[in-house]
Amino acid sequence: MPSRGGAGSRLGERVGGGLRLLIRPLRVRPSSRKTVAALSSAAFAYGLLQSCVTPMLPALAREYGVDEAASAWLVTGFLLSASIATPLGGRLGDMYGRGRILRWVLWIFAAASAMAAAAPTYELLLAARVGQGVGGALFPLAFGIYREHLSAGRLAAAVGLTSSVIAVGSGIGVVVVGPLERAGGSHGVFATAAMLVVISAALVTLVISPHVGGTGGTIDVPGAALLVVWLSALLVALSELARGGMALPLVPVLFGASAVAFALWILVERRARTPIVNVKLLATSVVLLPNLLAFAFGFLLFSGMVLVPAFVQAPAAAGFGFSASVTETSFYLLPQTVVFLAVSLLAGRMHQWPGERVSIVLGALLALVGQLALALWHDDPAPVIAASAVTGMGIGLIYTHLSSFIVRTVPASEVGSVSGMNTNIRNIGGAVGAQLSASIIVAVGGGGGFTVAFAILAAMALVAVVLSVILALPRSRRG
């Protein structure tokens, strides 16, 4: 019987046929512990590469001869790619087997990491960062694999562990990048990270069965194309806004194109038989609040990754900043990393008391206090370090409890798709926040640009507090 999907479905079937011929790995029977260990090693490598570039952004801008808005695309391009790869990878995993697609994702991740280590130009480095973002598909695939292999009791623990390992990788990334950059330059940093990715990809290849999942179906090609269009138009518009403001004719055109493509994407996904993202779930109470909170959390996390290193590395002669080197920047971020890691390690015990909901509220409040302090007092190193540490504690609480909360509250049949959607929305929030922060620095200029950007982060932290409080209320009391 012909598919109802029309040309898009027929194209999806052809693409699927090609993938079936390409993907023929051997079956390896996994154990639960080996499965969690292999996937956690990949999550660690992803977290490290997600964060290690941030302290080097000012130095990379000088090395490759680009401005701050352009260098921020090394973070934004990674996040944009991850935002697109997350739903696409999850859908391909459902169709052709999560283990199979996971192997392809991780080896693409490894190849892009090797490319970054050898990139002679900014354009090639940016392309490598976009390729590394494909690793974002790891998370819906991993959560789906956990659901198939682990009991209900161990599922939440495994998801929480993987989330914590991402936090550990991100924290270690900002600390070790300074010594690595001083010893081998930016290429040495990328080469070290590439080796870790190759090791994790090899572990997954040995441990994870390629035959996990695989229910068949077709790729939603129109939905995937529109997702790429509206996300890309939005991020390019924000980048151009930093260069010339709304006076540039291209900026309003791009914002308008993004809005139109987004509206069309919603219509297409609502009518698709096998959507890339099930947008109908976005309106449910179980998913809506965690997704809004994920956007705010991603905005805070990745904006901070851009702002703090750029601020402390700014020349003190300009009237702001501390003229910090990349190595010194790592030590500015060390207290934040330490508390981040401590909170991540304690997250398992906090599931029992005070629980995910209260922990998320506490994390949002701490992030608000830290961002307010950073906006008001950033003339000396000590307040910046203290405020960053408090913010790191809050973000650590949100980071490690939000995924576990979703796993515990959504129906078991929706764990993989809802978790992937939440990760995707967090990445979108991070991409918007990172680019907006860089745009404000360039547009306002001087120390005032950083003050405005820090104030915007404080406002977003307040939004996160409100959302987390509503999330903590019983459903009957949510207005």
Protein backbone atom coordinates (compact mmCIF):
# COMPACT_ATOMS: atom_id res chain seq x y z
CA MET A 1 0.00 0.00 0.00
CA PRO A 2 1.49 3.39 -0.93
CA SER A 3 2.57 5.70 1.83
CA ARG A 4 0.40 8.71 2.56
CA GLY A 5 3.44 10.91 3.07
CA GLY A 6 3.73 11.84 -0.64
CA ALA A 7 7.05 12.97 -2.09
CA GLY A 8 8.58 13.52 1.34
CA SER A 9 7.77 9.94 2.38
CA ARG A 10 9.14 8.47 -0.88
CA LEU A 11 12.35 10.45 -0.44
CA GLY A 12 12.52 9.24 3.16
CA GLU A 13 12.16 5.62 2.01
CA ARG A 14 15.01 6.07 -0.49
CA VAL A 15 17.23 7.62 2.16
CA GLY A 16 16.28 4.79 4.50
CA GLY A 17 17.17 2.18 1.90
CA GLY A 18 20.61 3.73 1.52
CA LEU A 19 21.14 3.72 5.27
CA ARG A 20 20.18 0.05 5.50
CA LEU A 21 22.92 -0.81 3.02
CA LEU A 22 25.52 1.34 4.79
CA ILE A 23 24.82 0.30 8.38
CA ARG A 24 25.79 -3.34 8.92
CA PRO A 25 27.73 -3.57 12.21
CA LEU A 26 28.10 -6.79 14.18
CA ARG A 27 25.78 -7.65 17.06
CA VAL A 28 27.37 -7.28 20.52
CA ARG A 29 25.39 -8.35 23.56
CA PRO A 30 25.56 -5.58 26.19
CA SER A 31 25.28 -5.78 29.96
CA SER A 32 23.60 -3.05 31.95
CA ARG A 33 26.77 -1.82 33.63
CA LYS A 34 28.79 -1.81 30.43
CA THR A 35 25.98 -0.01 28.63
CA VAL A 36 25.82 2.78 31.23
CA ALA A 37 29.62 3.04 31.40
CA ALA A 38 30.05 3.27 27.62
CA LEU A 39 27.29 5.85 27.18
CA SER A 40 28.56 7.87 30.14
CA SER A 41 32.06 7.98 28.63
CA ALA A 42 30.57 9.43 25.45
CA ALA A 43 28.57 11.94 27.49
CA PHE A 44 31.77 13.00 29.29
CA ALA A 45 33.56 13.61 25.98
CA TYR A 46 30.60 15.60 24.67
CA GLY A 47 30.43 17.73 27.82
CA LEU A 48 34.15 18.46 27.64
CA LEU A 49 34.01 19.60 24.00
CA GLN A 50 30.87 21.58 24.72
CA SER A 51 32.70 23.75 27.26
CA CYS A 52 36.43 23.70 26.50
CA VAL A 53 36.14 26.13 23.57
CA THR A 54 34.53 28.88 25.64
CA PRO A 55 37.61 30.05 27.60
CA MET A 56 39.56 30.14 24.33
CA LEU A 57 37.06 32.29 22.38
CA PRO A 58 38.95 35.61 22.72
CA ALA A 59 42.26 33.89 21.90
CA LEU A 60 40.71 32.04 18.94
CA ALA A 61 39.27 35.33 17.65
CA ARG A 62 42.77 36.83 17.67
CA GLU A 63 44.38 33.70 16.20
CA TYR A 64 41.97 33.47 13.26
CA GLY A 65 41.44 37.22 12.81
CA VAL A 66 37.67 37.39 13.49
CA ASP A 67 35.54 39.57 15.78
CA GLU A 68 33.72 38.50 18.96
CA ALA A 69 30.38 37.92 17.20
CA ALA A 70 32.06 35.63 14.67
CA SER A 71 34.04 33.72 17.31
CA ALA A 72 30.82 33.16 19.29
CA TRP A 73 29.64 31.07 16.34
CA LEU A 74 32.14 28.42 17.46
CA VAL A 75 29.73 27.92 20.37
CA THR A 76 26.53 28.78 18.52
CA GLY A 77 27.31 26.57 15.51
CA PHE A 78 27.93 23.65 17.85
CA LEU A 79 24.63 24.25 19.64
CA LEU A 80 22.68 24.80 16.42
CA SER A 81 24.00 21.56 14.97
CA ALA A 82 23.17 19.72 18.19
CA SER A 83 19.64 21.18 18.18
CA ILE A 84 19.06 19.81 14.69
CA ALA A 85 20.85 16.49 15.25
CA THR A 86 18.96 15.68 18.46
CA PRO A 87 15.49 15.11 16.94
CA LEU A 88 16.88 13.77 13.65
CA GLY A 89 19.16 11.30 15.42
CA GLY A 90 16.37 10.19 17.74
CA ARG A 91 14.03 9.59 14.80
CA LEU A 92 16.67 7.68 12.81
CA GLY A 93 17.35 5.57 15.91
CA ASP A 94 13.67 4.66 16.12
CA MET A 95 13.72 3.62 12.47
CA TYR A 96 17.06 1.84 11.99
CA GLY A 97 18.14 0.92 15.52
CA ARG A 98 19.44 3.23 18.25
CA GLY A 99 22.71 1.32 18.57
CA ARG A 100 23.43 1.61 14.86
CA ILE A 101 22.71 5.33 14.63
CA LEU A 102 24.60 5.97 17.86
CA ARG A 103 27.74 4.47 16.34
CA TRP A 104 27.46 6.68 13.28
CA VAL A 105 26.84 9.74 15.45
CA LEU A 106 29.90 9.12 17.62
CA TRP A 107 32.26 8.39 14.73
CA ILE A 108 31.11 11.57 12.96
CA PHE A 109 31.74 13.33 16.26
CA ALA A 110 35.24 11.83 16.38
CA ALA A 111 36.06 12.76 12.76
CA ALA A 112 34.92 16.36 13.34
CA SER A 113 37.05 16.55 16.49
CA ALA A 114 40.11 15.43 14.53
CA MET A 115 39.29 18.04 11.89
CA ALA A 116 39.17 20.76 14.57
CA ALA A 117 42.62 19.73 15.78
CA ALA A 118 44.09 20.30 12.30
CA ALA A 119 41.95 23.24 11.08
CA PRO A 120 44.19 25.94 9.51
CA THR A 121 41.38 28.48 8.96
CA TYR A 122 38.40 29.83 10.88
CA GLU A 123 35.98 28.46 8.26
CA LEU A 124 37.28 24.91 8.66
CA LEU A 125 37.27 25.21 12.45
CA LEU A 126 33.65 26.40 12.36
CA ALA A 127 32.73 23.49 10.07
CA ALA A 128 34.41 21.11 12.53
CA ARG A 129 32.46 22.59 15.44
CA VAL A 130 29.22 22.11 13.50
CA GLY A 131 30.24 18.49 12.92
CA GLN A 132 30.96 18.05 16.62
CA GLY A 133 27.43 19.23 17.39
CA VAL A 134 26.11 16.06 15.74
CA GLY A 135 27.16 14.39 18.99
CA GLY A 136 24.07 15.96 20.58
CA ALA A 137 22.04 13.09 19.13
CA LEU A 138 23.73 10.93 21.78
CA PHE A 139 21.16 11.85 24.42
CA PRO A 140 17.80 10.76 22.98
CA LEU A 141 19.54 7.64 21.68
CA ALA A 142 21.11 6.90 25.08
CA PHE A 143 17.88 7.48 26.99
CA GLY A 144 16.04 5.20 24.57
CA ILE A 145 18.70 2.50 25.04
CA TYR A 146 18.44 2.85 28.82
CA ARG A 147 14.69 2.39 28.67
CA GLU A 148 15.04 -0.82 26.65
CA HIS A 149 17.79 -2.36 28.80
CA LEU A 150 17.13 -1.13 32.34
CA SER A 151 14.35 -1.67 34.82
CA ALA A 152 12.19 1.27 35.88
CA GLY A 153 14.16 1.69 39.11
CA ARG A 154 17.54 1.76 37.39
CA LEU A 155 16.34 3.93 34.50
CA ALA A 156 16.12 7.15 36.52
CA ALA A 157 19.49 6.47 38.17
CA ALA A 158 21.17 5.90 34.80
CA VAL A 159 19.67 9.08 33.31
CA GLY A 160 20.76 11.05 36.37
CA LEU A 161 24.27 9.58 36.18
CA THR A 162 24.64 10.46 32.51
CA SER A 163 23.41 14.00 33.16
CA SER A 164 25.93 14.33 35.99
CA VAL A 165 28.75 13.03 33.79
CA ILE A 166 27.94 15.70 31.19
CA ALA A 167 28.26 18.28 33.96
CA VAL A 168 31.56 16.75 35.07
CA GLY A 169 32.90 16.86 31.51
CA SER A 170 31.80 20.46 31.08
CA GLY A 171 33.38 21.44 34.38
CA ILE A 172 36.68 19.72 33.68
CA GLY A 173 36.74 21.22 30.19
CA VAL A 174 36.90 24.82 31.42
CA VAL A 175 39.60 23.96 33.99
CA VAL A 176 42.05 21.92 31.90
CA VAL A 177 41.82 24.04 28.76
CA GLY A 178 44.25 26.63 30.14
CA PRO A 179 47.20 24.30 30.79
CA LEU A 180 46.50 22.37 27.58
CA GLU A 181 46.33 25.56 25.52
CA ARG A 182 49.57 26.84 27.02
CA ALA A 183 51.33 23.53 26.30
CA GLY A 184 50.05 22.85 22.79
CA GLY A 185 47.93 25.79 21.68
CA SER A 186 44.31 25.50 20.59
CA HIS A 187 45.22 22.63 18.26
CA GLY A 188 46.60 20.70 21.22
CA VAL A 189 43.34 21.18 23.11
CA PHE A 190 41.29 19.87 20.19
CA ALA A 191 43.70 16.95 19.63
CA THR A 192 43.39 15.85 23.27
CA ALA A 193 39.60 16.07 23.11
CA ALA A 194 39.58 14.14 19.83
CA MET A 195 41.42 11.24 21.47
CA LEU A 196 38.78 11.07 24.21
CA VAL A 197 35.99 11.03 21.63
CA VAL A 198 37.67 8.22 19.68
CA ILE A 199 38.02 6.15 22.87
CA SER A 200 34.36 6.65 23.80
CA ALA A 201 33.22 5.83 20.25
CA ALA A 202 35.28 2.63 20.34
CA LEU A 203 33.75 1.63 23.70
CA VAL A 204 30.22 2.18 22.41
CA THR A 205 31.02 0.19 19.25
CA LEU A 206 32.23 -2.74 21.35
CA VAL A 207 29.47 -2.69 23.97
CA ILE A 208 26.21 -1.41 22.49
CA SER A 209 24.19 -3.71 20.26
CA PRO A 210 23.34 -2.21 16.86
CA HIS A 211 19.94 -3.90 17.00
CA VAL A 212 18.39 -1.78 19.76
CA GLY A 213 15.16 -0.26 18.45
CA GLY A 214 14.37 -0.23 14.75
CA THR A 215 10.60 -0.05 14.33
CA GLY A 216 10.75 1.21 10.74
CA GLY A 217 9.04 4.26 9.30
CA THR A 218 9.92 7.18 7.06
CA ILE A 219 11.89 10.38 7.59
CA ASP A 220 9.85 13.58 7.87
CA VAL A 221 11.92 15.41 5.23
CA PRO A 222 9.77 18.60 5.08
CA GLY A 223 9.80 18.89 8.87
CA ALA A 224 13.56 18.38 9.04
CA ALA A 225 14.16 20.97 6.31
CA LEU A 226 11.95 23.59 7.99
CA LEU A 227 13.65 22.94 11.34
CA VAL A 228 17.02 23.70 9.76
CA VAL A 229 15.67 26.83 8.04
CA TRP A 230 14.03 28.53 11.01
CA LEU A 231 16.86 27.77 13.43
CA SER A 232 19.56 28.88 10.99
CA ALA A 233 17.71 32.08 10.05
CA LEU A 234 17.23 32.99 13.70
CA LEU A 235 20.89 32.50 14.63
CA VAL A 236 22.24 34.30 11.56
CA ALA A 237 19.87 37.21 12.31
CA LEU A 238 21.25 37.47 15.84
CA SER A 239 24.80 37.40 14.52
CA GLU A 240 24.11 40.14 11.97
CA LEU A 241 22.35 42.17 14.66
CA ALA A 242 25.69 42.36 16.47
CA ARG A 243 27.45 43.68 13.39
CA GLY A 244 25.10 46.48 12.36
CA GLY A 245 21.86 46.40 14.33
CA MET A 246 18.37 46.45 12.85
CA ALA A 247 19.55 49.05 10.31
CA LEU A 248 20.96 46.23 8.18
CA PRO A 249 18.26 45.18 5.68
CA LEU A 250 19.18 41.52 6.10
CA VAL A 251 18.34 41.42 9.82
CA PRO A 252 14.54 41.98 9.70
CA VAL A 253 14.34 39.74 6.62
CA LEU A 254 16.03 36.91 8.50
CA PHE A 255 13.86 37.36 11.59
CA GLY A 256 10.77 37.34 9.39
CA ALA A 257 11.94 34.27 7.49
CA SER A 258 12.60 32.48 10.77
CA ALA A 259 9.10 33.30 12.05
CA VAL A 260 7.43 32.13 8.83
CA ALA A 261 9.49 28.93 8.68
CA PHE A 262 8.72 28.24 12.35
CA ALA A 263 4.97 28.63 11.76
CA LEU A 264 5.13 26.33 8.74
CA TRP A 265 7.20 23.84 10.73
CA ILE A 266 4.53 23.70 13.44
CA LEU A 267 1.82 23.07 10.83
CA VAL A 268 3.84 20.37 9.06
CA GLU A 269 4.82 18.59 12.28
CA ARG A 270 1.24 18.58 13.58
CA ARG A 271 0.04 16.87 10.41
CA ALA A 272 2.99 14.51 9.86
CA ARG A 273 2.44 10.82 10.57
CA THR A 274 5.98 10.45 11.92
CA PRO A 275 7.12 13.97 12.91
CA ILE A 276 10.71 14.84 13.68
CA VAL A 277 9.45 16.55 16.84
CA ASN A 278 6.03 15.72 18.27
CA VAL A 279 4.89 19.31 18.76
CA LYS A 280 1.55 18.15 20.18
CA LEU A 281 3.43 17.11 23.32
CA LEU A 282 4.68 20.68 23.78
CA ALA A 283 1.24 21.79 24.98
CA THR A 284 0.83 19.11 27.65
CA SER A 285 1.34 20.19 31.25
CA VAL A 286 3.84 17.40 31.92
CA VAL A 287 6.16 18.61 29.15
CA LEU A 288 5.51 22.34 28.72
CA LEU A 289 6.97 23.61 32.01
CA PRO A 290 10.14 21.44 31.90
CA ASN A 291 10.72 22.55 28.31
CA LEU A 292 10.33 26.24 29.15
CA LEU A 293 12.67 25.75 32.09
CA ALA A 294 15.14 23.93 29.81
CA PHE A 295 15.16 26.91 27.44
CA ALA A 296 15.86 29.32 30.32
CA PHE A 297 18.51 26.99 31.74
CA GLY A 298 20.26 26.62 28.38
CA PHE A 299 20.17 30.39 27.91
CA LEU A 300 21.85 30.91 31.30
CA LEU A 301 24.43 28.16 30.93
CA PHE A 302 25.80 28.97 27.49
CA SER A 303 25.52 32.75 27.82
CA GLY A 304 27.70 32.50 30.91
CA MET A 305 30.19 30.40 28.95
CA VAL A 306 30.55 33.28 26.49
CA LEU A 307 30.39 36.27 28.86
CA VAL A 308 32.63 35.40 31.80
CA PRO A 309 35.74 34.38 29.79
CA ALA A 310 35.33 37.36 27.45
CA PHE A 311 35.02 39.74 30.42
CA VAL A 312 37.99 38.51 32.45
CA GLN A 313 40.21 38.40 29.33
CA ALA A 314 39.32 41.98 28.32
CA PRO A 315 42.29 44.38 28.74
CA ALA A 316 42.15 46.23 32.05
CA ALA A 317 43.42 49.37 30.29
CA ALA A 318 39.98 49.67 28.65
CA GLY A 319 38.41 50.34 32.06
CA PHE A 320 36.93 46.86 32.57
CA GLY A 321 38.17 43.28 32.57
CA PHE A 322 41.29 41.83 34.17
CA SER A 323 43.62 41.08 31.20
CA ALA A 324 43.49 37.38 32.08
CA SER A 325 45.20 34.79 29.89
CA VAL A 326 43.46 31.58 28.86
CA THR A 327 45.22 29.75 31.71
CA GLU A 328 44.21 32.42 34.23
CA THR A 329 40.65 32.30 32.94
CA SER A 330 40.54 28.61 33.82
CA PHE A 331 41.37 29.46 37.43
CA TYR A 332 38.67 32.15 37.50
CA LEU A 333 36.20 29.41 36.59
CA LEU A 334 37.67 26.75 38.91
CA PRO A 335 35.45 27.50 41.98
CA GLN A 336 32.35 27.37 39.79
CA THR A 337 33.50 24.03 38.41
CA VAL A 338 34.19 22.59 41.86
CA VAL A 339 30.72 23.40 43.21
CA PHE A 340 29.18 22.23 39.93
CA LEU A 341 30.87 18.85 40.32
CA ALA A 342 29.99 18.60 44.02
CA VAL A 343 26.32 19.23 43.34
CA SER A 344 26.35 16.70 40.50
CA LEU A 345 27.82 14.01 42.76
CA LEU A 346 25.22 14.72 45.48
CA ALA A 347 22.31 14.66 43.04
CA GLY A 348 21.60 10.95 43.57
CA ARG A 349 20.96 11.44 47.28
CA MET A 350 18.89 14.56 46.66
CA HIS A 351 16.41 12.52 44.61
CA GLN A 352 15.08 11.18 47.92
CA TRP A 353 15.29 14.44 49.88
CA PRO A 354 14.40 17.17 49.16
CA GLY A 355 13.40 15.72 45.76
CA GLU A 356 13.73 16.87 42.15
CA ARG A 357 11.13 19.65 42.28
CA VAL A 358 12.53 21.37 45.37
CA SER A 359 16.10 20.91 44.10
CA ILE A 360 15.19 22.60 40.81
CA VAL A 361 13.62 25.55 42.68
CA LEU A 362 16.72 25.84 44.88
CA GLY A 363 18.95 25.75 41.82
CA ALA A 364 16.99 28.51 40.10
CA LEU A 365 17.17 30.70 43.22
CA LEU A 366 20.93 30.22 43.51
CA ALA A 367 21.36 31.05 39.81
CA LEU A 368 19.34 34.25 40.33
CA VAL A 369 21.48 35.31 43.31
CA GLY A 370 24.68 34.62 41.38
CA GLN A 371 23.59 36.50 38.27
CA LEU A 372 22.36 39.52 40.26
CA ALA A 373 25.69 39.67 42.08
CA LEU A 374 27.55 39.43 38.78
CA ALA A 375 25.49 42.25 37.26
CA LEU A 376 26.04 44.54 40.26
CA TRP A 377 29.61 43.75 41.34
CA HIS A 378 32.12 42.86 38.65
CA ASP A 379 34.82 45.47 39.16
CA ASP A 380 37.15 43.12 41.06
CA PRO A 381 38.09 39.45 40.58
CA ALA A 382 36.78 38.20 43.95
CA PRO A 383 33.09 39.14 43.41
CA VAL A 384 33.19 37.69 39.89
CA ILE A 385 34.61 34.40 41.16
CA ALA A 386 32.12 34.20 44.05
CA ALA A 387 29.12 35.07 41.86
CA SER A 388 30.18 32.52 39.24
CA ALA A 389 30.51 29.84 41.93
CA VAL A 390 27.00 30.50 43.27
CA THR A 391 25.62 30.45 39.72
CA GLY A 392 27.46 27.18 39.06
CA MET A 393 25.88 25.59 42.12
CA GLY A 394 22.42 26.60 40.94
CA ILE A 395 22.98 25.44 37.37
CA GLY A 396 24.38 22.15 38.66
CA LEU A 397 21.18 21.50 40.63
CA ILE A 398 18.97 22.24 37.63
CA TYR A 399 21.19 20.31 35.22
CA THR A 400 21.21 17.06 37.16
CA HIS A 401 17.57 17.01 38.29
CA LEU A 402 15.60 18.18 35.25
CA SER A 403 16.24 15.09 33.10
CA SER A 404 15.53 12.76 36.01
CA PHE A 405 12.30 14.64 36.74
CA ILE A 406 11.12 14.10 33.16
CA VAL A 407 11.98 10.39 33.24
CA ARG A 408 10.02 9.94 36.48
CA THR A 409 6.91 11.88 35.44
CA VAL A 410 6.22 11.17 31.76
CA PRO A 411 4.71 7.87 30.57
CA ALA A 412 7.30 5.16 30.00
CA SER A 413 6.45 5.02 26.30
CA GLU A 414 7.40 8.70 25.91
CA VAL A 415 10.68 8.82 27.88
CA GLY A 416 12.98 8.82 24.86
CA SER A 417 11.11 11.35 22.73
CA VAL A 418 10.32 13.75 25.58
CA SER A 419 13.90 13.64 26.91
CA GLY A 420 15.24 14.30 23.43
CA MET A 421 12.85 17.22 22.97
CA ASN A 422 13.91 18.70 26.31
CA THR A 423 17.59 18.42 25.37
CA ASN A 424 16.85 20.03 22.02
CA ILE A 425 15.03 22.99 23.56
CA ARG A 426 17.86 23.48 26.05
CA ASN A 427 20.32 23.62 23.14
CA ILE A 428 18.12 26.12 21.31
CA GLY A 429 18.01 28.30 24.42
CA GLY A 430 21.78 28.03 24.69
CA ALA A 431 22.29 28.94 21.04
CA VAL A 432 20.04 32.00 21.33
CA GLY A 433 21.60 33.06 24.64
CA ALA A 434 25.21 32.69 23.51
CA GLN A 435 24.68 34.64 20.31
CA LEU A 436 22.55 37.31 21.99
CA SER A 437 25.20 37.83 24.67
CA ALA A 438 27.95 38.25 22.09
CA SER A 439 25.72 40.58 20.08
CA ILE A 440 25.07 42.81 23.10
CA ILE A 441 28.79 43.05 23.89
CA VAL A 442 29.53 44.25 20.36
CA ALA A 443 26.46 46.47 19.96
CA VAL A 444 26.71 48.34 23.30
CA GLY A 445 30.49 48.26 23.54
CA GLY A 446 32.83 48.72 26.49
CA GLY A 447 32.09 47.64 30.03
CA GLY A 448 28.47 48.74 29.61
CA GLY A 449 27.89 45.90 27.16
CA PHE A 450 28.89 43.33 29.76
CA THR A 451 26.75 45.02 32.44
CA VAL A 452 23.68 44.91 30.19
CA ALA A 453 24.37 41.28 29.26
CA PHE A 454 24.78 40.24 32.91
CA ALA A 455 21.51 42.04 33.77
CA ILE A 456 19.70 40.12 31.01
CA LEU A 457 21.00 36.86 32.48
CA ALA A 458 19.66 37.90 35.89
CA ALA A 459 16.25 38.54 34.31
CA MET A 460 16.33 35.09 32.69
CA ALA A 461 17.26 33.56 36.05
CA LEU A 462 14.18 35.23 37.54
CA VAL A 463 12.08 33.64 34.79
CA ALA A 464 13.63 30.28 35.73
CA VAL A 465 12.66 30.83 39.38
CA VAL A 466 9.03 31.51 38.45
CA LEU A 467 8.87 28.46 36.18
CA SER A 468 10.48 26.18 38.76
CA VAL A 469 8.05 27.31 41.48
CA ILE A 470 5.08 26.61 39.20
CA LEU A 471 6.60 23.22 38.37
CA ALA A 472 6.88 22.41 42.08
CA LEU A 473 3.20 23.12 42.72
CA PRO A 474 0.68 20.27 42.61
CA ARG A 475 -1.09 20.13 39.25
CA SER A 476 -4.40 21.15 40.83
CA ARG A 477 -2.87 24.46 41.99
CA ARG A 478 -1.13 25.46 38.75
CA GLY A 479 -2.83 28.51 37.33
